């Protein structure tokens, strides 16, 4: 299993969620986050915004679904055809165990 965490632009979230749902991946956790990447924030006039609003989406998937989910997130969170600074990042980590709290069952 893999945990896929993506940090993307807030205006791209609905498209990503819709595409994941359509592809059969309804399970997701969404969080409002703030941060900056290599661009170090932005300057608008005399005001510098050091931390920009983003959304973090977290989804746990079986091994066979990892590449498909990453492609869906990538395709639906990219700005324009080639993307632009600030489109986000995707982090993938292996998950050793998962338990459902209500039933105590292990696995997805």
C-alpha atoms as a PDB file:
ATOM      1  CA  UNK A   1       0.000   0.000   0.000  1.00  0.00           C
ATOM      2  CA  UNK A   2       0.992   3.590  -0.543  1.00  0.00           C
ATOM      3  CA  UNK A   3       0.043   6.916   1.003  1.00  0.00           C
ATOM      4  CA  UNK A   4      -0.092   9.634  -1.636  1.00  0.00           C
ATOM      5  CA  UNK A   5      -0.011  13.201  -0.329  1.00  0.00           C
ATOM      6  CA  UNK A   6      -0.469  15.992  -2.810  1.00  0.00           C
ATOM      7  CA  UNK A   7      -0.197  19.688  -2.079  1.00  0.00           C
ATOM      8  CA  UNK A   8      -1.991  21.626  -4.799  1.00  0.00           C
ATOM      9  CA  UNK A   9      -3.603  24.946  -5.627  1.00  0.00           C
ATOM     10  CA  UNK A  10      -7.012  25.403  -3.935  1.00  0.00           C
ATOM     11  CA  UNK A  11      -8.722  26.160  -7.255  1.00  0.00           C
ATOM     12  CA  UNK A  12      -7.654  22.732  -8.596  1.00  0.00           C
ATOM     13  CA  UNK A  13      -9.070  20.633  -5.750  1.00  0.00           C
ATOM     14  CA  UNK A  14     -12.600  20.127  -7.071  1.00  0.00           C
ATOM     15  CA  UNK A  15     -11.309  18.895 -10.433  1.00  0.00           C
ATOM     16  CA  UNK A  16      -8.910  16.464  -8.768  1.00  0.00           C
ATOM     17  CA  UNK A  17     -11.593  15.146  -6.402  1.00  0.00           C
ATOM     18  CA  UNK A  18     -14.086  14.688  -9.259  1.00  0.00           C
ATOM     19  CA  UNK A  19     -11.527  12.832 -11.387  1.00  0.00           C
ATOM     20  CA  UNK A  20     -10.540  10.545  -8.506  1.00  0.00           C
ATOM     21  CA  UNK A  21     -14.185   9.772  -7.739  1.00  0.00           C
ATOM     22  CA  UNK A  22     -14.918   9.028 -11.396  1.00  0.00           C
ATOM     23  CA  UNK A  23     -11.938   6.656 -11.513  1.00  0.00           C
ATOM     24  CA  UNK A  24     -13.208   4.772  -8.448  1.00  0.00           C
ATOM     25  CA  UNK A  25     -11.156   6.405  -5.691  1.00  0.00           C
ATOM     26  CA  UNK A  26     -13.698   8.120  -3.397  1.00  0.00           C
ATOM     27  CA  UNK A  27     -11.627   7.799  -0.188  1.00  0.00           C
ATOM     28  CA  UNK A  28      -9.650  10.954   0.544  1.00  0.00           C
ATOM     29  CA  UNK A  29      -8.660  13.338   3.306  1.00  0.00           C
ATOM     30  CA  UNK A  30      -8.451  17.063   2.524  1.00  0.00           C
ATOM     31  CA  UNK A  31      -6.738  19.745   4.617  1.00  0.00           C
ATOM     32  CA  UNK A  32      -6.168  23.467   4.247  1.00  0.00           C
ATOM     33  CA  UNK A  33      -2.434  24.130   4.477  1.00  0.00           C
ATOM     34  CA  UNK A  34      -0.107  27.090   4.004  1.00  0.00           C
ATOM     35  CA  UNK A  35       3.450  27.132   2.794  1.00  0.00           C
ATOM     36  CA  UNK A  36       5.862  27.993   0.054  1.00  0.00           C
ATOM     37  CA  UNK A  37       8.061  26.207  -2.402  1.00  0.00           C
ATOM     38  CA  UNK A  38      11.194  27.227  -4.233  1.00  0.00           C
ATOM     39  CA  UNK A  39       9.532  30.457  -5.379  1.00  0.00           C
ATOM     40  CA  UNK A  40       9.724  31.685  -1.732  1.00  0.00           C
ATOM     41  CA  UNK A  41       6.250  33.248  -1.765  1.00  0.00           C
ATOM     42  CA  UNK A  42       5.113  36.105  -3.958  1.00  0.00           C
ATOM     43  CA  UNK A  43       5.265  39.901  -3.915  1.00  0.00           C
ATOM     44  CA  UNK A  44       2.224  41.970  -4.877  1.00  0.00           C
ATOM     45  CA  UNK A  45       3.186  45.628  -4.913  1.00  0.00           C
ATOM     46  CA  UNK A  46       4.862  46.336  -1.595  1.00  0.00           C
ATOM     47  CA  UNK A  47       3.286  43.329   0.149  1.00  0.00           C
ATOM     48  CA  UNK A  48       5.141  40.031   0.332  1.00  0.00           C
ATOM     49  CA  UNK A  49       3.140  36.835   0.878  1.00  0.00           C
ATOM     50  CA  UNK A  50       5.520  34.384   2.490  1.00  0.00           C
ATOM     51  CA  UNK A  51       3.017  31.576   2.993  1.00  0.00           C
ATOM     52  CA  UNK A  52       0.515  30.754   0.276  1.00  0.00           C
ATOM     53  CA  UNK A  53      -2.764  28.869   0.718  1.00  0.00           C
ATOM     54  CA  UNK A  54      -2.747  25.324  -0.646  1.00  0.00           C
ATOM     55  CA  UNK A  55      -4.751  22.146  -0.135  1.00  0.00           C
ATOM     56  CA  UNK A  56      -3.290  18.817   0.918  1.00  0.00           C
ATOM     57  CA  UNK A  57      -5.038  15.695  -0.317  1.00  0.00           C
ATOM     58  CA  UNK A  58      -4.162  12.342   1.257  1.00  0.00           C
ATOM     59  CA  UNK A  59      -5.196   9.013  -0.192  1.00  0.00           C
ATOM     60  CA  UNK A  60      -4.091   5.468   0.591  1.00  0.00           C
ATOM     61  CA  UNK A  61      -4.136   3.033  -2.320  1.00  0.00           C
ATOM     62  CA  UNK A  62      -3.148  -0.514  -3.140  1.00  0.00           C
ATOM     63  CA  UNK A  63       0.146  -1.029  -4.953  1.00  0.00           C
ATOM     64  CA  UNK A  64      -1.533  -1.596  -8.324  1.00  0.00           C
ATOM     65  CA  UNK A  65      -3.392   1.758  -8.147  1.00  0.00           C
ATOM     66  CA  UNK A  66      -0.465   4.016  -7.236  1.00  0.00           C
ATOM     67  CA  UNK A  67       0.561   5.095 -10.742  1.00  0.00           C
ATOM     68  CA  UNK A  68      -3.028   5.705 -11.866  1.00  0.00           C
ATOM     69  CA  UNK A  69      -3.809   7.910  -8.861  1.00  0.00           C
ATOM     70  CA  UNK A  70      -0.595   9.905  -9.303  1.00  0.00           C
ATOM     71  CA  UNK A  71      -1.433  10.481 -12.977  1.00  0.00           C
ATOM     72  CA  UNK A  72      -4.975  11.626 -12.126  1.00  0.00           C
ATOM     73  CA  UNK A  73      -3.682  14.097  -9.544  1.00  0.00           C
ATOM     74  CA  UNK A  74      -0.919  15.333 -11.848  1.00  0.00           C
ATOM     75  CA  UNK A  75      -3.197  15.770 -14.874  1.00  0.00           C
ATOM     76  CA  UNK A  76      -5.904  17.597 -12.929  1.00  0.00           C
ATOM     77  CA  UNK A  77      -3.749  19.859 -10.760  1.00  0.00           C
ATOM     78  CA  UNK A  78      -1.368  21.159 -13.431  1.00  0.00           C
ATOM     79  CA  UNK A  79      -1.925  24.726 -14.634  1.00  0.00           C
ATOM     80  CA  UNK A  80      -2.047  24.825 -18.434  1.00  0.00           C
ATOM     81  CA  UNK A  81      -0.401  22.242 -20.653  1.00  0.00           C
ATOM     82  CA  UNK A  82       3.080  22.487 -19.174  1.00  0.00           C
ATOM     83  CA  UNK A  83       2.341  23.607 -15.617  1.00  0.00           C
ATOM     84  CA  UNK A  84       3.764  26.538 -13.724  1.00  0.00           C
ATOM     85  CA  UNK A  85       5.543  27.358 -10.460  1.00  0.00           C
ATOM     86  CA  UNK A  86       3.301  26.755  -7.479  1.00  0.00           C
ATOM     87  CA  UNK A  87       1.266  23.913  -8.998  1.00  0.00           C
ATOM     88  CA  UNK A  88       2.311  21.716  -6.090  1.00  0.00           C
ATOM     89  CA  UNK A  89       4.067  18.507  -5.114  1.00  0.00           C
ATOM     90  CA  UNK A  90       3.135  14.855  -4.759  1.00  0.00           C
ATOM     91  CA  UNK A  91       4.737  12.757  -2.029  1.00  0.00           C
ATOM     92  CA  UNK A  92       4.499   8.955  -2.075  1.00  0.00           C
ATOM     93  CA  UNK A  93       5.337   6.766   0.920  1.00  0.00           C
ATOM     94  CA  UNK A  94       4.879   3.084   1.654  1.00  0.00           C
ATOM     95  CA  UNK A  95       2.275   2.167   4.268  1.00  0.00           C
ATOM     96  CA  UNK A  96       2.980  -0.860   6.428  1.00  0.00           C
ATOM     97  CA  UNK A  97      -0.444  -1.301   8.027  1.00  0.00           C
ATOM     98  CA  UNK A  98      -3.948   0.189   7.937  1.00  0.00           C
ATOM     99  CA  UNK A  99      -6.754  -0.427  10.424  1.00  0.00           C
ATOM    100  CA  UNK A 100     -10.409   0.609  10.342  1.00  0.00           C
ATOM    101  CA  UNK A 101     -11.229   2.040  13.754  1.00  0.00           C
ATOM    102  CA  UNK A 102     -14.902   0.996  13.871  1.00  0.00           C
ATOM    103  CA  UNK A 103     -14.380  -2.655  12.922  1.00  0.00           C
ATOM    104  CA  UNK A 104     -10.770  -3.182  13.923  1.00  0.00           C
ATOM    105  CA  UNK A 105     -10.144  -4.818  10.543  1.00  0.00           C
ATOM    106  CA  UNK A 106      -6.735  -4.537   8.943  1.00  0.00           C
ATOM    107  CA  UNK A 107      -6.300  -3.383   5.330  1.00  0.00           C
ATOM    108  CA  UNK A 108      -8.064  -1.052   2.972  1.00  0.00           C
END
